C-alpha atoms as a PDB file:
ATOM      1  CA  UNK A   1     292.472 -86.208 185.197  1.00  0.00           C
ATOM      2  CA  UNK A   2     295.918 -84.740 184.940  1.00  0.00           C
ATOM      3  CA  UNK A   3     295.630 -84.344 181.149  1.00  0.00           C
ATOM      4  CA  UNK A   4     295.733 -80.546 181.076  1.00  0.00           C
ATOM      5  CA  UNK A   5     298.384 -78.208 182.404  1.00  0.00           C
ATOM      6  CA  UNK A   6     298.550 -74.455 181.910  1.00  0.00           C
ATOM      7  CA  UNK A   7     301.751 -72.442 181.985  1.00  0.00           C
ATOM      8  CA  UNK A   8     300.642 -68.957 182.984  1.00  0.00           C
ATOM      9  CA  UNK A   9     304.157 -67.668 182.312  1.00  0.00           C
ATOM     10  CA  UNK A  10     304.317 -68.990 178.750  1.00  0.00           C
ATOM     11  CA  UNK A  11     305.429 -66.746 175.896  1.00  0.00           C
ATOM     12  CA  UNK A  12     302.538 -64.799 174.363  1.00  0.00           C
ATOM     13  CA  UNK A  13     301.091 -65.877 171.008  1.00  0.00           C
ATOM     14  CA  UNK A  14     302.704 -63.080 168.984  1.00  0.00           C
ATOM     15  CA  UNK A  15     306.167 -63.895 170.320  1.00  0.00           C
ATOM     16  CA  UNK A  16     305.650 -67.615 169.694  1.00  0.00           C
ATOM     17  CA  UNK A  17     304.623 -66.871 166.113  1.00  0.00           C
ATOM     18  CA  UNK A  18     307.680 -64.673 165.475  1.00  0.00           C
ATOM     19  CA  UNK A  19     309.931 -67.373 166.963  1.00  0.00           C
ATOM     20  CA  UNK A  20     308.451 -69.911 164.539  1.00  0.00           C
ATOM     21  CA  UNK A  21     308.983 -67.592 161.566  1.00  0.00           C
ATOM     22  CA  UNK A  22     312.560 -66.932 162.665  1.00  0.00           C
ATOM     23  CA  UNK A  23     313.219 -70.677 162.997  1.00  0.00           C
ATOM     24  CA  UNK A  24     311.758 -71.403 159.563  1.00  0.00           C
ATOM     25  CA  UNK A  25     313.853 -68.611 158.042  1.00  0.00           C
ATOM     26  CA  UNK A  26     316.962 -70.240 159.462  1.00  0.00           C
ATOM     27  CA  UNK A  27     316.035 -73.791 158.495  1.00  0.00           C
ATOM     28  CA  UNK A  28     315.136 -72.938 154.886  1.00  0.00           C
ATOM     29  CA  UNK A  29     317.560 -70.002 154.429  1.00  0.00           C
ATOM     30  CA  UNK A  30     314.805 -67.632 153.333  1.00  0.00           C
ATOM     31  CA  UNK A  31     313.399 -64.227 154.225  1.00  0.00           C
ATOM     32  CA  UNK A  32     310.543 -63.749 156.678  1.00  0.00           C
ATOM     33  CA  UNK A  33     307.943 -63.420 153.893  1.00  0.00           C
ATOM     34  CA  UNK A  34     308.712 -66.846 152.414  1.00  0.00           C
ATOM     35  CA  UNK A  35     308.980 -68.333 155.899  1.00  0.00           C
ATOM     36  CA  UNK A  36     305.462 -67.118 156.709  1.00  0.00           C
ATOM     37  CA  UNK A  37     303.632 -67.372 153.388  1.00  0.00           C
ATOM     38  CA  UNK A  38     305.249 -70.537 152.065  1.00  0.00           C
ATOM     39  CA  UNK A  39     306.731 -72.741 154.796  1.00  0.00           C
ATOM     40  CA  UNK A  40     304.497 -71.763 157.717  1.00  0.00           C
ATOM     41  CA  UNK A  41     301.478 -72.067 155.462  1.00  0.00           C
ATOM     42  CA  UNK A  42     302.703 -75.464 154.248  1.00  0.00           C
ATOM     43  CA  UNK A  43     303.124 -76.505 157.882  1.00  0.00           C
ATOM     44  CA  UNK A  44     299.487 -75.636 158.625  1.00  0.00           C
ATOM     45  CA  UNK A  45     298.382 -77.748 155.668  1.00  0.00           C
ATOM     46  CA  UNK A  46     300.530 -80.682 156.755  1.00  0.00           C
ATOM     47  CA  UNK A  47     299.272 -80.509 160.344  1.00  0.00           C
ATOM     48  CA  UNK A  48     295.683 -80.405 159.118  1.00  0.00           C
ATOM     49  CA  UNK A  49     296.345 -83.370 156.805  1.00  0.00           C
ATOM     50  CA  UNK A  50     297.730 -85.676 159.474  1.00  0.00           C
ATOM     51  CA  UNK A  51     295.386 -84.471 162.242  1.00  0.00           C
ATOM     52  CA  UNK A  52     292.338 -85.993 160.518  1.00  0.00           C
ATOM     53  CA  UNK A  53     293.904 -89.440 160.139  1.00  0.00           C
ATOM     54  CA  UNK A  54     291.898 -92.066 162.056  1.00  0.00           C
ATOM     55  CA  UNK A  55     294.946 -94.274 162.633  1.00  0.00           C
ATOM     56  CA  UNK A  56     297.141 -92.882 165.429  1.00  0.00           C
ATOM     57  CA  UNK A  57     300.231 -94.233 163.669  1.00  0.00           C
ATOM     58  CA  UNK A  58     299.463 -92.026 160.663  1.00  0.00           C
ATOM     59  CA  UNK A  59     299.154 -89.041 162.994  1.00  0.00           C
ATOM     60  CA  UNK A  60     302.781 -89.487 164.001  1.00  0.00           C
ATOM     61  CA  UNK A  61     305.587 -87.799 162.107  1.00  0.00           C
ATOM     62  CA  UNK A  62     309.288 -87.187 162.707  1.00  0.00           C
ATOM     63  CA  UNK A  63     310.830 -83.722 162.582  1.00  0.00           C
ATOM     64  CA  UNK A  64     312.804 -84.667 159.457  1.00  0.00           C
ATOM     65  CA  UNK A  65     309.719 -85.976 157.642  1.00  0.00           C
ATOM     66  CA  UNK A  66     307.735 -82.896 158.612  1.00  0.00           C
ATOM     67  CA  UNK A  67     310.382 -80.496 157.294  1.00  0.00           C
ATOM     68  CA  UNK A  68     310.712 -82.480 154.060  1.00  0.00           C
ATOM     69  CA  UNK A  69     306.966 -82.306 153.442  1.00  0.00           C
ATOM     70  CA  UNK A  70     306.693 -78.564 154.005  1.00  0.00           C
ATOM     71  CA  UNK A  71     309.780 -77.779 151.925  1.00  0.00           C
ATOM     72  CA  UNK A  72     307.855 -76.463 148.916  1.00  0.00           C
ATOM     73  CA  UNK A  73     308.204 -72.846 147.941  1.00  0.00           C
ATOM     74  CA  UNK A  74     304.756 -71.990 146.680  1.00  0.00           C
ATOM     75  CA  UNK A  75     302.143 -69.721 148.192  1.00  0.00           C
ATOM     76  CA  UNK A  76     299.119 -71.738 149.270  1.00  0.00           C
ATOM     77  CA  UNK A  77     295.617 -70.642 150.122  1.00  0.00           C
ATOM     78  CA  UNK A  78     294.931 -71.902 153.639  1.00  0.00           C
ATOM     79  CA  UNK A  79     291.664 -71.212 155.423  1.00  0.00           C
ATOM     80  CA  UNK A  80     293.300 -71.078 158.850  1.00  0.00           C
ATOM     81  CA  UNK A  81     296.047 -68.764 157.639  1.00  0.00           C
ATOM     82  CA  UNK A  82     293.620 -66.484 155.789  1.00  0.00           C
ATOM     83  CA  UNK A  83     291.422 -66.145 158.865  1.00  0.00           C
ATOM     84  CA  UNK A  84     294.502 -65.326 160.929  1.00  0.00           C
ATOM     85  CA  UNK A  85     295.779 -62.661 158.519  1.00  0.00           C
ATOM     86  CA  UNK A  86     292.517 -61.347 157.081  1.00  0.00           C
ATOM     87  CA  UNK A  87     292.029 -61.414 153.318  1.00  0.00           C
ATOM     88  CA  UNK A  88     292.859 -57.734 152.708  1.00  0.00           C
ATOM     89  CA  UNK A  89     296.145 -57.901 154.590  1.00  0.00           C
ATOM     90  CA  UNK A  90     296.960 -61.261 152.986  1.00  0.00           C
ATOM     91  CA  UNK A  91     296.437 -59.873 149.472  1.00  0.00           C
ATOM     92  CA  UNK A  92     298.294 -56.631 150.252  1.00  0.00           C
ATOM     93  CA  UNK A  93     301.368 -58.445 151.532  1.00  0.00           C
ATOM     94  CA  UNK A  94     301.421 -60.693 148.465  1.00  0.00           C
ATOM     95  CA  UNK A  95     301.185 -57.602 146.275  1.00  0.00           C
ATOM     96  CA  UNK A  96     303.984 -55.834 148.159  1.00  0.00           C
ATOM     97  CA  UNK A  97     306.261 -58.853 147.880  1.00  0.00           C
ATOM     98  CA  UNK A  98     305.747 -59.854 144.259  1.00  0.00           C
ATOM     99  CA  UNK A  99     303.952 -57.161 142.261  1.00  0.00           C
ATOM    100  CA  UNK A 100     304.565 -53.684 143.670  1.00  0.00           C
ATOM    101  CA  UNK A 101     307.590 -52.877 141.469  1.00  0.00           C
ATOM    102  CA  UNK A 102     307.093 -55.215 138.490  1.00  0.00           C
ATOM    103  CA  UNK A 103     306.323 -52.484 135.978  1.00  0.00           C
ATOM    104  CA  UNK A 104     309.753 -50.931 136.447  1.00  0.00           C
ATOM    105  CA  UNK A 105     311.644 -53.618 134.543  1.00  0.00           C
ATOM    106  CA  UNK A 106     311.141 -54.487 130.840  1.00  0.00           C
ATOM    107  CA  UNK A 107     310.785 -58.250 131.292  1.00  0.00           C
ATOM    108  CA  UNK A 108     308.611 -60.721 129.400  1.00  0.00           C
ATOM    109  CA  UNK A 109     305.909 -61.537 131.951  1.00  0.00           C
ATOM    110  CA  UNK A 110     303.381 -64.344 131.697  1.00  0.00           C
ATOM    111  CA  UNK A 111     300.212 -64.280 133.790  1.00  0.00           C
ATOM    112  CA  UNK A 112     298.439 -67.640 134.000  1.00  0.00           C
ATOM    113  CA  UNK A 113     295.059 -67.529 135.725  1.00  0.00           C
ATOM    114  CA  UNK A 114     292.789 -70.458 136.524  1.00  0.00           C
ATOM    115  CA  UNK A 115     289.158 -69.450 136.231  1.00  0.00           C
ATOM    116  CA  UNK A 116     286.078 -70.513 138.124  1.00  0.00           C
ATOM    117  CA  UNK A 117     283.371 -72.051 135.932  1.00  0.00           C
ATOM    118  CA  UNK A 118     281.053 -69.073 136.404  1.00  0.00           C
ATOM    119  CA  UNK A 119     283.578 -66.326 135.638  1.00  0.00           C
ATOM    120  CA  UNK A 120     281.807 -63.619 133.647  1.00  0.00           C
ATOM    121  CA  UNK A 121     283.057 -61.926 130.493  1.00  0.00           C
ATOM    122  CA  UNK A 122     283.076 -58.590 132.304  1.00  0.00           C
ATOM    123  CA  UNK A 123     285.336 -60.031 135.012  1.00  0.00           C
ATOM    124  CA  UNK A 124     287.673 -61.456 132.355  1.00  0.00           C
ATOM    125  CA  UNK A 125     287.894 -58.086 130.637  1.00  0.00           C
ATOM    126  CA  UNK A 126     288.616 -56.412 133.971  1.00  0.00           C
ATOM    127  CA  UNK A 127     291.499 -58.819 134.515  1.00  0.00           C
ATOM    128  CA  UNK A 128     292.915 -58.135 131.059  1.00  0.00           C
ATOM    129  CA  UNK A 129     292.633 -54.373 131.554  1.00  0.00           C
ATOM    130  CA  UNK A 130     294.201 -54.470 135.039  1.00  0.00           C
ATOM    131  CA  UNK A 131     297.117 -56.708 134.041  1.00  0.00           C
ATOM    132  CA  UNK A 132     297.735 -54.675 130.894  1.00  0.00           C
ATOM    133  CA  UNK A 133     297.540 -51.312 132.647  1.00  0.00           C
ATOM    134  CA  UNK A 134     299.894 -52.303 135.448  1.00  0.00           C
ATOM    135  CA  UNK A 135     302.435 -54.333 133.502  1.00  0.00           C
ATOM    136  CA  UNK A 136     302.756 -52.556 130.140  1.00  0.00           C
ATOM    137  CA  UNK A 137     304.915 -49.643 129.104  1.00  0.00           C
ATOM    138  CA  UNK A 138     304.334 -48.285 125.587  1.00  0.00           C
ATOM    139  CA  UNK A 139     305.569 -44.740 126.115  1.00  0.00           C
ATOM    140  CA  UNK A 140     307.009 -43.048 123.023  1.00  0.00           C
ATOM    141  CA  UNK A 141     310.331 -42.171 124.654  1.00  0.00           C
ATOM    142  CA  UNK A 142     310.692 -45.545 126.396  1.00  0.00           C
ATOM    143  CA  UNK A 143     313.563 -47.465 124.716  1.00  0.00           C
ATOM    144  CA  UNK A 144     312.404 -50.868 126.024  1.00  0.00           C
ATOM    145  CA  UNK A 145     308.636 -51.102 125.657  1.00  0.00           C
ATOM    146  CA  UNK A 146     306.726 -54.202 126.718  1.00  0.00           C
ATOM    147  CA  UNK A 147     303.335 -55.704 127.539  1.00  0.00           C
ATOM    148  CA  UNK A 148     302.182 -58.863 129.357  1.00  0.00           C
ATOM    149  CA  UNK A 149     301.262 -62.319 128.063  1.00  0.00           C
ATOM    150  CA  UNK A 150     297.984 -63.634 129.515  1.00  0.00           C
ATOM    151  CA  UNK A 151     296.561 -67.154 129.562  1.00  0.00           C
ATOM    152  CA  UNK A 152     293.155 -67.905 131.082  1.00  0.00           C
ATOM    153  CA  UNK A 153     292.779 -71.564 131.899  1.00  0.00           C
ATOM    154  CA  UNK A 154     289.403 -73.296 131.805  1.00  0.00           C
ATOM    155  CA  UNK A 155     287.869 -71.174 129.035  1.00  0.00           C
ATOM    156  CA  UNK A 156     285.643 -72.685 126.360  1.00  0.00           C
ATOM    157  CA  UNK A 157     286.384 -71.765 122.752  1.00  0.00           C
ATOM    158  CA  UNK A 158     283.116 -69.820 122.496  1.00  0.00           C
ATOM    159  CA  UNK A 159     283.772 -67.750 125.624  1.00  0.00           C
ATOM    160  CA  UNK A 160     287.336 -67.061 124.491  1.00  0.00           C
ATOM    161  CA  UNK A 161     286.024 -65.837 121.120  1.00  0.00           C
ATOM    162  CA  UNK A 162     283.455 -63.643 122.857  1.00  0.00           C
ATOM    163  CA  UNK A 163     286.163 -62.180 125.100  1.00  0.00           C
ATOM    164  CA  UNK A 164     288.301 -61.279 122.073  1.00  0.00           C
ATOM    165  CA  UNK A 165     285.335 -59.816 120.212  1.00  0.00           C
ATOM    166  CA  UNK A 166     284.423 -57.554 123.122  1.00  0.00           C
ATOM    167  CA  UNK A 167     288.029 -56.448 123.668  1.00  0.00           C
ATOM    168  CA  UNK A 168     288.300 -55.614 119.966  1.00  0.00           C
ATOM    169  CA  UNK A 169     284.975 -53.768 119.967  1.00  0.00           C
ATOM    170  CA  UNK A 170     286.182 -51.610 122.857  1.00  0.00           C
ATOM    171  CA  UNK A 171     289.319 -50.649 120.938  1.00  0.00           C
ATOM    172  CA  UNK A 172     291.700 -52.661 123.120  1.00  0.00           C
ATOM    173  CA  UNK A 173     294.673 -53.647 120.975  1.00  0.00           C
ATOM    174  CA  UNK A 174     295.957 -57.194 121.509  1.00  0.00           C
ATOM    175  CA  UNK A 175     297.463 -60.084 119.555  1.00  0.00           C
ATOM    176  CA  UNK A 176     296.936 -63.780 120.129  1.00  0.00           C
ATOM    177  CA  UNK A 177     299.535 -65.620 118.061  1.00  0.00           C
ATOM    178  CA  UNK A 178     297.298 -66.202 115.041  1.00  0.00           C
ATOM    179  CA  UNK A 179     298.351 -63.824 112.219  1.00  0.00           C
ATOM    180  CA  UNK A 180     295.364 -64.734 109.998  1.00  0.00           C
ATOM    181  CA  UNK A 181     292.139 -66.745 110.145  1.00  0.00           C
ATOM    182  CA  UNK A 182     292.827 -70.472 110.082  1.00  0.00           C
ATOM    183  CA  UNK A 183     296.560 -70.119 110.715  1.00  0.00           C
ATOM    184  CA  UNK A 184     298.602 -72.242 113.092  1.00  0.00           C
ATOM    185  CA  UNK A 185     299.838 -70.636 116.304  1.00  0.00           C
ATOM    186  CA  UNK A 186     302.912 -68.527 115.568  1.00  0.00           C
ATOM    187  CA  UNK A 187     305.387 -67.858 118.354  1.00  0.00           C
ATOM    188  CA  UNK A 188     307.156 -65.423 116.032  1.00  0.00           C
ATOM    189  CA  UNK A 189     303.961 -63.401 115.649  1.00  0.00           C
ATOM    190  CA  UNK A 190     302.937 -63.363 119.294  1.00  0.00           C
ATOM    191  CA  UNK A 191     306.410 -62.219 120.406  1.00  0.00           C
ATOM    192  CA  UNK A 192     306.243 -59.157 118.156  1.00  0.00           C
ATOM    193  CA  UNK A 193     307.529 -56.165 120.122  1.00  0.00           C
ATOM    194  CA  UNK A 194     304.809 -53.989 121.610  1.00  0.00           C
ATOM    195  CA  UNK A 195     305.507 -50.280 121.245  1.00  0.00           C
ATOM    196  CA  UNK A 196     304.030 -46.795 121.045  1.00  0.00           C
ATOM    197  CA  UNK A 197     303.151 -47.150 117.361  1.00  0.00           C
ATOM    198  CA  UNK A 198     301.385 -50.523 117.291  1.00  0.00           C
ATOM    199  CA  UNK A 199     299.788 -50.044 120.757  1.00  0.00           C
ATOM    200  CA  UNK A 200     299.798 -53.806 121.486  1.00  0.00           C
ATOM    201  CA  UNK A 201     298.624 -53.776 125.114  1.00  0.00           C
ATOM    202  CA  UNK A 202     298.450 -57.526 125.792  1.00  0.00           C
ATOM    203  CA  UNK A 203     299.264 -60.856 124.193  1.00  0.00           C
ATOM    204  CA  UNK A 204     296.605 -63.533 124.750  1.00  0.00           C
ATOM    205  CA  UNK A 205     297.677 -67.167 124.709  1.00  0.00           C
ATOM    206  CA  UNK A 206     294.744 -69.489 124.028  1.00  0.00           C
ATOM    207  CA  UNK A 207     296.358 -72.737 125.123  1.00  0.00           C
ATOM    208  CA  UNK A 208     298.735 -73.693 127.938  1.00  0.00           C
ATOM    209  CA  UNK A 209     300.975 -75.333 125.310  1.00  0.00           C
ATOM    210  CA  UNK A 210     301.346 -71.927 123.640  1.00  0.00           C
ATOM    211  CA  UNK A 211     302.815 -70.642 126.910  1.00  0.00           C
ATOM    212  CA  UNK A 212     305.605 -73.203 126.778  1.00  0.00           C
ATOM    213  CA  UNK A 213     306.280 -72.625 123.076  1.00  0.00           C
ATOM    214  CA  UNK A 214     306.501 -68.882 123.572  1.00  0.00           C
ATOM    215  CA  UNK A 215     308.697 -69.131 126.656  1.00  0.00           C
ATOM    216  CA  UNK A 216     311.128 -71.379 124.791  1.00  0.00           C
ATOM    217  CA  UNK A 217     311.326 -68.951 121.872  1.00  0.00           C
ATOM    218  CA  UNK A 218     312.047 -65.797 123.911  1.00  0.00           C
ATOM    219  CA  UNK A 219     315.645 -65.010 124.856  1.00  0.00           C
ATOM    220  CA  UNK A 220     314.956 -62.018 127.135  1.00  0.00           C
ATOM    221  CA  UNK A 221     314.336 -62.286 130.879  1.00  0.00           C
ATOM    222  CA  UNK A 222     311.081 -64.191 131.458  1.00  0.00           C
ATOM    223  CA  UNK A 223     308.857 -64.372 134.522  1.00  0.00           C
ATOM    224  CA  UNK A 224     305.749 -66.464 135.209  1.00  0.00           C
ATOM    225  CA  UNK A 225     303.011 -65.575 137.682  1.00  0.00           C
ATOM    226  CA  UNK A 226     300.320 -68.210 137.969  1.00  0.00           C
ATOM    227  CA  UNK A 227     297.203 -68.282 140.101  1.00  0.00           C
ATOM    228  CA  UNK A 228     295.490 -71.619 140.661  1.00  0.00           C
ATOM    229  CA  UNK A 229     292.897 -73.336 142.862  1.00  0.00           C
ATOM    230  CA  UNK A 230     294.393 -76.741 143.706  1.00  0.00           C
ATOM    231  CA  UNK A 231     297.513 -77.533 141.689  1.00  0.00           C
ATOM    232  CA  UNK A 232     299.769 -75.305 139.560  1.00  0.00           C
ATOM    233  CA  UNK A 233     298.611 -75.370 135.943  1.00  0.00           C
ATOM    234  CA  UNK A 234     302.048 -75.050 134.436  1.00  0.00           C
ATOM    235  CA  UNK A 235     305.490 -76.354 135.369  1.00  0.00           C
ATOM    236  CA  UNK A 236     308.169 -74.587 133.328  1.00  0.00           C
ATOM    237  CA  UNK A 237     310.791 -76.765 131.668  1.00  0.00           C
ATOM    238  CA  UNK A 238     313.199 -73.825 131.568  1.00  0.00           C
ATOM    239  CA  UNK A 239     315.094 -72.012 134.303  1.00  0.00           C
ATOM    240  CA  UNK A 240     312.785 -69.009 134.686  1.00  0.00           C
ATOM    241  CA  UNK A 241     311.304 -67.216 137.661  1.00  0.00           C
ATOM    242  CA  UNK A 242     307.937 -68.772 138.479  1.00  0.00           C
ATOM    243  CA  UNK A 243     305.704 -67.482 141.281  1.00  0.00           C
ATOM    244  CA  UNK A 244     302.831 -69.844 142.152  1.00  0.00           C
ATOM    245  CA  UNK A 245     299.966 -68.440 144.207  1.00  0.00           C
ATOM    246  CA  UNK A 246     296.970 -70.500 145.263  1.00  0.00           C
ATOM    247  CA  UNK A 247     293.721 -68.529 145.314  1.00  0.00           C
ATOM    248  CA  UNK A 248     290.232 -68.998 146.718  1.00  0.00           C
ATOM    249  CA  UNK A 249     288.444 -67.356 143.789  1.00  0.00           C
ATOM    250  CA  UNK A 250     289.338 -65.564 140.557  1.00  0.00           C
ATOM    251  CA  UNK A 251     288.505 -62.136 142.007  1.00  0.00           C
ATOM    252  CA  UNK A 252     291.453 -62.525 144.415  1.00  0.00           C
ATOM    253  CA  UNK A 253     293.818 -61.978 141.483  1.00  0.00           C
ATOM    254  CA  UNK A 254     292.615 -58.398 141.001  1.00  0.00           C
ATOM    255  CA  UNK A 255     293.558 -57.474 144.559  1.00  0.00           C
ATOM    256  CA  UNK A 256     296.905 -59.278 144.530  1.00  0.00           C
ATOM    257  CA  UNK A 257     298.317 -57.949 141.273  1.00  0.00           C
END
């Protein structure tokens, strides 16, 4: 009795949501996209985390503690948030924010993708082709040609070999940092400039350690885009742009990039 009250004159849901986004933008000095996709999303995760605590004390949190816990700028996959936005709109807005204009600048871009255990070879090839097509420029008259670096996490050696064999058989030109059979990984070789003549369309990095070695060797502008299920796979030791996006499945990457 007396536990429920309804304010029929309350602000509508849409206005409440926009007020929250505006407040988060002010608190974290960010644009509305980061307020919604990072901090609001983090807030949903934090609320869900403490809401399931059996001990009422653990379901209590101060404003300062709450803001500290959600102050992480990475894009998380959240079931509640995805249902609210709809997957197509969610992926489109991520694409518009981070990937729509990437191919206009000749930067060294690294795409790190965590794979589900059942990811097929055909799906892997699709990812390579899509990333290469969208983020390469090998035009003859282009003074600053470039192509992407790609690392697939959670691949067995045999599947990785099969992937390379099928790419090669289809005439897709790539390098992987190994200049000859049995050689050690060579950061000098894998950073060879891609251009109209050599037609290098992608640079495959077998191991996550090769990502760090290559990043450290390059002096041009570098950017990292990683897609993961639970925790980021790679934490750069250098001051480089790093966009972390949590995904529900590997196929999400195709829509986002």
